């Protein structure tokens, strides 16, 4: 069940940040969104985009990546953290997509999650950003901010996804991840959030308490 407070704060965030993806790797083909999201794990967005651009300029398709040398892949994605591990995983994913799916990226969460190293959040990102299909990616940042604002009260990202489906208005489901990520990068930081500059402070449980203490 949604409420006016939730709708209003999401309306403000959408007006503040826009709903179009900021990151280069989230605006590409479904396959490239998948590989870009794998690259993004424990890596800053600008480094993810740098690695993704270098990789796809050389190997843009599953077929080409499946046949690529793992060390060459690692060299191209060096800006990303854990690039050696990710190079092996990217090659493995590409091989499966090329051989099992004829080069077509699976377009359901369960199928995507069968790929090595692809969890629920990564699969949901591919659905939203790659296929423009209804999904709700929830990582640790979305989980943290959603609880800090007071939209939900949960212990894990998995619980958060389940509860967010109940409270997020339908028109914001597809952009919720984007809005939370942008808000987290700009204002709602893990440590020392910039509540004095926050456009939704009056609707935020945490921000309202801080305001009372000031």
Foldseek 3Di string as FASTA:
>chain_A
DADPLQVVQVVLLCVVPNQDFPAPQLQDALLSVLLLVLLPVVADRVLSNQLSVQQCVQPVFLVRLLPDDLVVSLVSSVSGPPSSVSSVLSNQQSVCCCPVVVRDDDQDQVVQCVRPPDDNLSNQSSNLRHVVHFDARFDPQLVVQCVQQPVDDDDDSVVVRVSVVVHHPPVCRSRSVVSSVVCCVPAVDPPPGNLVPDPSLVSGPNSVVVVVVD
